[in-house]
Amino acid sequence: MWVVRTGVDTEYFVPASEPRDASAEPRLVFTGSMDWLPNEDAMKYFCAEILPLIREQEPRVSLSIVGRAPTPAVRALAAEGINVTGTVDDVRPYINEAAVYIVPLRIGGGTRLKIFEAMAMGKAVVSTTVGAEGLPVVPGAHALLADDPRSFADAVLTLLRDPGRRGNLESAARSLVVEQYDWSAVAGELDDALRITAALRVKKPNKSRQTHENLNLRTRLHRQRHGSGVRARRA
């Protein structure tokens, strides 16, 4: 069995061409299908238990909840400073306008594609551990992780108040996705998997021989794709 990683179009999800106005209203954003229970729960939890803690210290903070089919419970969250958009043609302008991308998920599984999209756009992410589950992010380097209301609020406030820290996260997040999850990198893995599978189907050796040939093919393909030395990192 082969596992090919999720990919992101890093030429579509790109950082804004102009830096965000430092004097602009501090804005947070969450994106996702809003008829999915984990997303509904995340927004109810954030608006009830985390956002008030943030606004105690930063009253101007606003939130955009962006995604199709918001449930009645999600629509009821709309208020001054909380925008529930419903379906939009393009999520990128909403992500670009935000200073911090939040992922306060408490339940649910599946691919966390929305985090990769936000990271590809060079956004600082604050997530719960559940929200970033299965992703190779280094806490504090690629994103901030927090699992209770106070620590989540503090993480958001830190990024709103410290442009330098926010900028470091943004750069590291973008680099991680471009280097490891761009479609070109993922397509290469899929091509390797298909080539090895095709080669092994030509004849069906015994199990131990198949394992040995599998490893040899992996090694040869890796050398063909990356060379024998250390792979250079993208700038």
C-alpha atoms as a PDB file:
ATOM      1  CA  MET A   1       0.000   0.000   0.000  1.00  0.00           C
ATOM      2  CA  TRP A   2       1.220   3.481  -0.884  1.00  0.00           C
ATOM      3  CA  VAL A   3       0.287   6.673   0.952  1.00  0.00           C
ATOM      4  CA  VAL A   4       0.573   9.863  -1.094  1.00  0.00           C
ATOM      5  CA  ARG A   5       0.430  13.118   0.819  1.00  0.00           C
ATOM      6  CA  THR A   6      -2.203  15.800   0.360  1.00  0.00           C
ATOM      7  CA  GLY A   7      -1.129  18.515  -2.016  1.00  0.00           C
ATOM      8  CA  VAL A   8      -1.763  22.250  -2.260  1.00  0.00           C
ATOM      9  CA  ASP A   9      -1.615  24.517  -5.294  1.00  0.00           C
ATOM     10  CA  THR A  10       0.976  26.957  -3.974  1.00  0.00           C
ATOM     11  CA  GLU A  11       0.711  29.070  -7.113  1.00  0.00           C
ATOM     12  CA  TYR A  12      -2.985  29.682  -6.389  1.00  0.00           C
ATOM     13  CA  PHE A  13      -2.740  30.029  -2.624  1.00  0.00           C
ATOM     14  CA  VAL A  14      -0.071  32.705  -2.384  1.00  0.00           C
ATOM     15  CA  PRO A  15       0.691  35.495   0.089  1.00  0.00           C
ATOM     16  CA  ALA A  16      -0.825  38.897  -0.593  1.00  0.00           C
ATOM     17  CA  SER A  17       1.193  41.062  -2.974  1.00  0.00           C
ATOM     18  CA  GLU A  18       1.007  43.983  -0.559  1.00  0.00           C
ATOM     19  CA  PRO A  19       1.810  43.710   3.160  1.00  0.00           C
ATOM     20  CA  ARG A  20      -1.136  44.009   5.504  1.00  0.00           C
ATOM     21  CA  ASP A  21      -1.725  47.523   6.869  1.00  0.00           C
ATOM     22  CA  ALA A  22      -0.409  47.484  10.431  1.00  0.00           C
ATOM     23  CA  SER A  23      -3.085  49.988  11.475  1.00  0.00           C
ATOM     24  CA  ALA A  24      -5.951  47.905  10.064  1.00  0.00           C
ATOM     25  CA  GLU A  25      -8.585  46.396  12.315  1.00  0.00           C
ATOM     26  CA  PRO A  26      -7.160  43.162  13.804  1.00  0.00           C
ATOM     27  CA  ARG A  27      -9.057  40.399  12.069  1.00  0.00           C
ATOM     28  CA  LEU A  28      -9.243  36.632  12.524  1.00  0.00           C
ATOM     29  CA  VAL A  29     -10.558  34.142   9.992  1.00  0.00           C
ATOM     30  CA  PHE A  30     -11.829  30.577   9.918  1.00  0.00           C
ATOM     31  CA  THR A  31     -12.723  28.750   6.700  1.00  0.00           C
ATOM     32  CA  GLY A  32     -14.517  25.480   6.076  1.00  0.00           C
ATOM     33  CA  SER A  33     -17.828  23.817   5.296  1.00  0.00           C
ATOM     34  CA  MET A  34     -20.058  25.209   7.987  1.00  0.00           C
ATOM     35  CA  ASP A  35     -22.563  22.369   7.891  1.00  0.00           C
ATOM     36  CA  TRP A  36     -19.898  19.976   9.205  1.00  0.00           C
ATOM     37  CA  LEU A  37     -20.382  19.378  12.920  1.00  0.00           C
ATOM     38  CA  PRO A  38     -16.701  19.806  13.967  1.00  0.00           C
ATOM     39  CA  ASN A  39     -16.602  23.216  12.250  1.00  0.00           C
ATOM     40  CA  GLU A  40     -19.902  24.278  13.808  1.00  0.00           C
ATOM     41  CA  ASP A  41     -18.671  23.194  17.231  1.00  0.00           C
ATOM     42  CA  ALA A  42     -15.360  24.996  16.712  1.00  0.00           C
ATOM     43  CA  MET A  43     -17.039  28.310  15.942  1.00  0.00           C
ATOM     44  CA  LYS A  44     -19.552  28.053  18.778  1.00  0.00           C
ATOM     45  CA  TYR A  45     -16.709  27.232  21.173  1.00  0.00           C
ATOM     46  CA  PHE A  46     -14.475  30.036  19.890  1.00  0.00           C
ATOM     47  CA  CYS A  47     -17.178  32.713  19.967  1.00  0.00           C
ATOM     48  CA  ALA A  48     -18.437  31.729  23.420  1.00  0.00           C
ATOM     49  CA  GLU A  49     -15.226  30.972  25.279  1.00  0.00           C
ATOM     50  CA  ILE A  50     -12.197  32.393  23.449  1.00  0.00           C
ATOM     51  CA  LEU A  51     -13.214  35.535  21.584  1.00  0.00           C
ATOM     52  CA  PRO A  52     -14.450  37.302  24.762  1.00  0.00           C
ATOM     53  CA  LEU A  53     -11.022  36.730  26.359  1.00  0.00           C
ATOM     54  CA  ILE A  54      -9.318  38.241  23.318  1.00  0.00           C
ATOM     55  CA  ARG A  55     -11.652  41.232  23.264  1.00  0.00           C
ATOM     56  CA  GLU A  56     -10.993  41.964  26.909  1.00  0.00           C
ATOM     57  CA  GLN A  57      -7.563  43.109  25.783  1.00  0.00           C
ATOM     58  CA  GLU A  58      -8.148  43.873  22.102  1.00  0.00           C
ATOM     59  CA  PRO A  59     -11.756  45.129  21.755  1.00  0.00           C
ATOM     60  CA  ARG A  60     -11.409  45.863  18.017  1.00  0.00           C
ATOM     61  CA  VAL A  61     -10.766  42.259  17.019  1.00  0.00           C
ATOM     62  CA  SER A  62     -13.211  40.947  14.419  1.00  0.00           C
ATOM     63  CA  LEU A  63     -13.856  37.460  13.060  1.00  0.00           C
ATOM     64  CA  SER A  64     -14.820  36.194   9.611  1.00  0.00           C
ATOM     65  CA  ILE A  65     -16.463  32.748   9.463  1.00  0.00           C
ATOM     66  CA  VAL A  66     -16.169  31.773   5.820  1.00  0.00           C
ATOM     67  CA  GLY A  67     -17.759  28.703   4.271  1.00  0.00           C
ATOM     68  CA  ARG A  68     -20.791  27.210   2.641  1.00  0.00           C
ATOM     69  CA  ALA A  69     -24.063  26.136   4.226  1.00  0.00           C
ATOM     70  CA  PRO A  70     -23.790  27.645   7.712  1.00  0.00           C
ATOM     71  CA  THR A  71     -26.192  25.926  10.083  1.00  0.00           C
ATOM     72  CA  PRO A  72     -28.741  27.938  12.075  1.00  0.00           C
ATOM     73  CA  ALA A  73     -26.395  27.703  15.063  1.00  0.00           C
ATOM     74  CA  VAL A  74     -23.553  29.217  13.030  1.00  0.00           C
ATOM     75  CA  ARG A  75     -25.740  31.921  11.480  1.00  0.00           C
ATOM     76  CA  ALA A  76     -26.813  32.878  14.996  1.00  0.00           C
ATOM     77  CA  LEU A  77     -23.189  33.788  15.784  1.00  0.00           C
ATOM     78  CA  ALA A  78     -23.323  36.750  13.407  1.00  0.00           C
ATOM     79  CA  ALA A  79     -23.069  39.980  15.378  1.00  0.00           C
ATOM     80  CA  GLU A  80     -21.075  43.185  15.480  1.00  0.00           C
ATOM     81  CA  GLY A  81     -17.534  42.169  14.634  1.00  0.00           C
ATOM     82  CA  ILE A  82     -18.505  38.628  13.598  1.00  0.00           C
ATOM     83  CA  ASN A  83     -19.194  38.095   9.892  1.00  0.00           C
ATOM     84  CA  VAL A  84     -20.779  34.807   8.775  1.00  0.00           C
ATOM     85  CA  THR A  85     -20.369  34.873   4.995  1.00  0.00           C
ATOM     86  CA  GLY A  86     -21.973  31.677   3.757  1.00  0.00           C
ATOM     87  CA  THR A  87     -20.777  30.510   0.335  1.00  0.00           C
ATOM     88  CA  VAL A  88     -18.139  32.697  -1.308  1.00  0.00           C
ATOM     89  CA  ASP A  89     -16.589  32.460  -4.757  1.00  0.00           C
ATOM     90  CA  ASP A  90     -13.054  32.758  -3.414  1.00  0.00           C
ATOM     91  CA  VAL A  91     -11.806  32.355   0.162  1.00  0.00           C
ATOM     92  CA  ARG A  92      -8.443  33.983  -0.534  1.00  0.00           C
ATOM     93  CA  PRO A  93      -9.468  37.626  -0.013  1.00  0.00           C
ATOM     94  CA  TYR A  94     -10.880  36.755   3.410  1.00  0.00           C
ATOM     95  CA  ILE A  95      -7.704  34.923   4.387  1.00  0.00           C
ATOM     96  CA  ASN A  96      -5.535  37.770   3.086  1.00  0.00           C
ATOM     97  CA  GLU A  97      -7.436  40.329   5.154  1.00  0.00           C
ATOM     98  CA  ALA A  98      -6.821  38.433   8.381  1.00  0.00           C
ATOM     99  CA  ALA A  99      -3.857  38.786  10.705  1.00  0.00           C
ATOM    100  CA  VAL A 100      -4.325  35.303  12.183  1.00  0.00           C
ATOM    101  CA  TYR A 101      -5.956  32.123  10.876  1.00  0.00           C
ATOM    102  CA  ILE A 102      -7.673  30.152  13.653  1.00  0.00           C
ATOM    103  CA  VAL A 103      -8.447  26.424  13.857  1.00  0.00           C
ATOM    104  CA  PRO A 104     -10.168  25.824  17.224  1.00  0.00           C
ATOM    105  CA  LEU A 105     -11.369  22.304  16.386  1.00  0.00           C
ATOM    106  CA  ARG A 106     -12.179  20.028  19.313  1.00  0.00           C
ATOM    107  CA  ILE A 107     -13.571  17.008  17.438  1.00  0.00           C
ATOM    108  CA  GLY A 108     -13.374  15.415  14.027  1.00  0.00           C
ATOM    109  CA  GLY A 109     -10.903  13.770  11.713  1.00  0.00           C
ATOM    110  CA  GLY A 110      -9.934  13.906   8.068  1.00  0.00           C
ATOM    111  CA  THR A 111      -7.481  15.956   6.056  1.00  0.00           C
ATOM    112  CA  ARG A 112      -6.672  19.393   7.449  1.00  0.00           C
ATOM    113  CA  LEU A 113      -6.395  20.914   3.985  1.00  0.00           C
ATOM    114  CA  LYS A 114      -7.581  24.344   5.121  1.00  0.00           C
ATOM    115  CA  ILE A 115      -4.511  24.749   7.339  1.00  0.00           C
ATOM    116  CA  PHE A 116      -2.204  24.021   4.406  1.00  0.00           C
ATOM    117  CA  GLU A 117      -4.061  26.557   2.266  1.00  0.00           C
ATOM    118  CA  ALA A 118      -3.687  29.221   4.955  1.00  0.00           C
ATOM    119  CA  MET A 119      -0.009  28.356   5.469  1.00  0.00           C
ATOM    120  CA  ALA A 120       0.585  28.487   1.709  1.00  0.00           C
ATOM    121  CA  MET A 121      -0.795  32.028   1.809  1.00  0.00           C
ATOM    122  CA  GLY A 122       1.737  32.908   4.471  1.00  0.00           C
ATOM    123  CA  LYS A 123      -0.705  33.166   7.355  1.00  0.00           C
ATOM    124  CA  ALA A 124       0.131  32.693  11.011  1.00  0.00           C
ATOM    125  CA  VAL A 125      -2.009  29.858  12.375  1.00  0.00           C
ATOM    126  CA  VAL A 126      -3.277  29.225  15.885  1.00  0.00           C
ATOM    127  CA  SER A 127      -4.798  25.760  16.219  1.00  0.00           C
ATOM    128  CA  THR A 128      -5.784  23.190  18.775  1.00  0.00           C
ATOM    129  CA  THR A 129      -3.855  19.938  18.775  1.00  0.00           C
ATOM    130  CA  VAL A 130      -6.889  18.237  17.231  1.00  0.00           C
ATOM    131  CA  GLY A 131      -7.039  20.873  14.508  1.00  0.00           C
ATOM    132  CA  ALA A 132      -3.447  20.192  13.450  1.00  0.00           C
ATOM    133  CA  GLU A 133      -3.584  16.434  14.014  1.00  0.00           C
ATOM    134  CA  GLY A 134      -1.516  14.486  11.509  1.00  0.00           C
ATOM    135  CA  LEU A 135       0.279  17.528  10.120  1.00  0.00           C
ATOM    136  CA  PRO A 136       4.090  17.816  10.354  1.00  0.00           C
ATOM    137  CA  VAL A 137       4.015  21.251  11.946  1.00  0.00           C
ATOM    138  CA  VAL A 138       6.519  22.085  14.656  1.00  0.00           C
ATOM    139  CA  PRO A 139       4.678  23.960  17.423  1.00  0.00           C
ATOM    140  CA  GLY A 140       6.121  27.415  17.794  1.00  0.00           C
ATOM    141  CA  ALA A 141       7.913  27.225  14.446  1.00  0.00           C
ATOM    142  CA  HIS A 142       5.145  26.655  11.877  1.00  0.00           C
ATOM    143  CA  ALA A 143       2.050  27.333  14.013  1.00  0.00           C
ATOM    144  CA  LEU A 144       1.001  27.941  17.604  1.00  0.00           C
ATOM    145  CA  LEU A 145      -0.982  25.178  19.324  1.00  0.00           C
ATOM    146  CA  ALA A 146      -3.293  25.715  22.296  1.00  0.00           C
ATOM    147  CA  ASP A 147      -5.951  23.488  23.820  1.00  0.00           C
ATOM    148  CA  ASP A 148      -7.816  25.602  26.373  1.00  0.00           C
ATOM    149  CA  PRO A 149      -9.564  28.967  25.990  1.00  0.00           C
ATOM    150  CA  ARG A 150      -7.031  31.016  27.932  1.00  0.00           C
ATOM    151  CA  SER A 151      -3.960  29.664  26.162  1.00  0.00           C
ATOM    152  CA  PHE A 152      -5.660  29.901  22.767  1.00  0.00           C
ATOM    153  CA  ALA A 153      -6.604  33.539  23.424  1.00  0.00           C
ATOM    154  CA  ASP A 154      -3.069  34.295  24.642  1.00  0.00           C
ATOM    155  CA  ALA A 155      -1.577  32.765  21.489  1.00  0.00           C
ATOM    156  CA  VAL A 156      -3.797  34.901  19.264  1.00  0.00           C
ATOM    157  CA  LEU A 157      -3.004  38.028  21.286  1.00  0.00           C
ATOM    158  CA  THR A 158       0.734  37.315  21.043  1.00  0.00           C
ATOM    159  CA  LEU A 159       0.570  37.216  17.259  1.00  0.00           C
ATOM    160  CA  LEU A 160      -1.620  40.297  17.003  1.00  0.00           C
ATOM    161  CA  ARG A 161       0.800  42.297  19.147  1.00  0.00           C
ATOM    162  CA  ASP A 162       4.110  40.968  17.863  1.00  0.00           C
ATOM    163  CA  PRO A 163       4.487  41.478  14.086  1.00  0.00           C
ATOM    164  CA  GLY A 164       7.990  40.013  14.185  1.00  0.00           C
ATOM    165  CA  ARG A 165       6.844  36.734  15.718  1.00  0.00           C
ATOM    166  CA  ARG A 166       3.891  36.636  13.354  1.00  0.00           C
ATOM    167  CA  GLY A 167       6.143  37.231  10.370  1.00  0.00           C
ATOM    168  CA  ASN A 168       8.489  34.402  11.368  1.00  0.00           C
ATOM    169  CA  LEU A 169       5.565  31.978  11.567  1.00  0.00           C
ATOM    170  CA  GLU A 170       4.208  33.181   8.240  1.00  0.00           C
ATOM    171  CA  SER A 171       7.534  32.632   6.449  1.00  0.00           C
ATOM    172  CA  ALA A 172       8.138  29.212   8.002  1.00  0.00           C
ATOM    173  CA  ALA A 173       4.589  28.072   7.245  1.00  0.00           C
ATOM    174  CA  ARG A 174       4.811  29.071   3.598  1.00  0.00           C
ATOM    175  CA  SER A 175       8.217  27.407   3.203  1.00  0.00           C
ATOM    176  CA  LEU A 176       6.997  24.123   4.721  1.00  0.00           C
ATOM    177  CA  VAL A 177       4.052  23.845   2.357  1.00  0.00           C
ATOM    178  CA  VAL A 178       5.982  24.883  -0.760  1.00  0.00           C
ATOM    179  CA  GLU A 179       8.828  22.467  -0.078  1.00  0.00           C
ATOM    180  CA  GLN A 180       6.803  19.420   0.964  1.00  0.00           C
ATOM    181  CA  TYR A 181       3.180  19.808  -0.131  1.00  0.00           C
ATOM    182  CA  ASP A 182       3.254  21.655  -3.427  1.00  0.00           C
ATOM    183  CA  TRP A 183       1.513  19.618  -6.138  1.00  0.00           C
ATOM    184  CA  SER A 184       4.809  19.122  -7.969  1.00  0.00           C
ATOM    185  CA  ALA A 185       6.330  17.389  -4.926  1.00  0.00           C
ATOM    186  CA  VAL A 186       3.241  15.269  -4.327  1.00  0.00           C
ATOM    187  CA  ALA A 187       2.960  14.340  -8.008  1.00  0.00           C
ATOM    188  CA  GLY A 188       6.545  13.105  -7.889  1.00  0.00           C
ATOM    189  CA  GLU A 189       5.682  10.787  -5.000  1.00  0.00           C
ATOM    190  CA  LEU A 190       2.659   9.462  -6.900  1.00  0.00           C
ATOM    191  CA  ASP A 191       4.794   8.887  -9.992  1.00  0.00           C
ATOM    192  CA  ASP A 192       7.327   6.934  -7.919  1.00  0.00           C
ATOM    193  CA  ALA A 193       4.573   4.807  -6.407  1.00  0.00           C
ATOM    194  CA  LEU A 194       3.068   4.003  -9.814  1.00  0.00           C
ATOM    195  CA  ARG A 195       6.444   3.143 -11.335  1.00  0.00           C
ATOM    196  CA  ILE A 196       7.386   0.816  -8.489  1.00  0.00           C
ATOM    197  CA  THR A 197       3.964  -0.845  -8.524  1.00  0.00           C
ATOM    198  CA  ALA A 198       4.166  -1.365 -12.302  1.00  0.00           C
ATOM    199  CA  ALA A 199       7.645  -2.851 -12.020  1.00  0.00           C
ATOM    200  CA  LEU A 200       6.568  -5.278  -9.305  1.00  0.00           C
ATOM    201  CA  ARG A 201       3.561  -6.438 -11.326  1.00  0.00           C
ATOM    202  CA  VAL A 202       5.751  -7.574 -14.229  1.00  0.00           C
ATOM    203  CA  LYS A 203       6.538 -10.688 -12.242  1.00  0.00           C
ATOM    204  CA  LYS A 204       5.444 -11.853  -8.830  1.00  0.00           C
ATOM    205  CA  PRO A 205       8.454 -13.095  -6.848  1.00  0.00           C
ATOM    206  CA  ASN A 206       8.236 -14.590  -3.393  1.00  0.00           C
ATOM    207  CA  LYS A 207       7.548 -12.245  -0.499  1.00  0.00           C
ATOM    208  CA  SER A 208      11.136 -11.770   0.699  1.00  0.00           C
ATOM    209  CA  ARG A 209      12.409 -11.128  -2.822  1.00  0.00           C
ATOM    210  CA  GLN A 210       9.552  -8.708  -3.478  1.00  0.00           C
ATOM    211  CA  THR A 211      10.450  -6.745  -0.352  1.00  0.00           C
ATOM    212  CA  HIS A 212      14.115  -6.617  -1.399  1.00  0.00           C
ATOM    213  CA  GLU A 213      13.292  -5.439  -4.937  1.00  0.00           C
ATOM    214  CA  ASN A 214      10.830  -2.906  -3.562  1.00  0.00           C
ATOM    215  CA  LEU A 215      13.561  -1.335  -1.417  1.00  0.00           C
ATOM    216  CA  ASN A 216      16.042  -1.334  -4.308  1.00  0.00           C
ATOM    217  CA  LEU A 217      13.533   0.408  -6.573  1.00  0.00           C
ATOM    218  CA  ARG A 218      12.771   2.995  -3.907  1.00  0.00           C
ATOM    219  CA  THR A 219      16.503   3.720  -3.536  1.00  0.00           C
ATOM    220  CA  ARG A 220      17.122   4.046  -7.288  1.00  0.00           C
ATOM    221  CA  LEU A 221      14.112   6.316  -7.789  1.00  0.00           C
ATOM    222  CA  HIS A 222      15.123   8.491  -4.857  1.00  0.00           C
ATOM    223  CA  ARG A 223      18.612   8.934  -6.337  1.00  0.00           C
ATOM    224  CA  GLN A 224      17.180   9.696  -9.769  1.00  0.00           C
ATOM    225  CA  ARG A 225      14.830  12.330  -8.365  1.00  0.00           C
ATOM    226  CA  HIS A 226      17.056  13.945  -5.748  1.00  0.00           C
ATOM    227  CA  GLY A 227      20.626  13.007  -6.548  1.00  0.00           C
ATOM    228  CA  SER A 228      23.016  11.291  -4.149  1.00  0.00           C
ATOM    229  CA  GLY A 229      23.765  14.371  -2.089  1.00  0.00           C
ATOM    230  CA  VAL A 230      21.709  16.478   0.278  1.00  0.00           C
ATOM    231  CA  ARG A 231      18.708  18.040  -1.419  1.00  0.00           C
ATOM    232  CA  ALA A 232      18.959  21.821  -1.579  1.00  0.00           C
ATOM    233  CA  ARG A 233      16.213  23.723   0.185  1.00  0.00           C
ATOM    234  CA  ARG A 234      14.175  26.219  -1.781  1.00  0.00           C
ATOM    235  CA  ALA A 235      14.771  29.863  -1.078  1.00  0.00           C
END
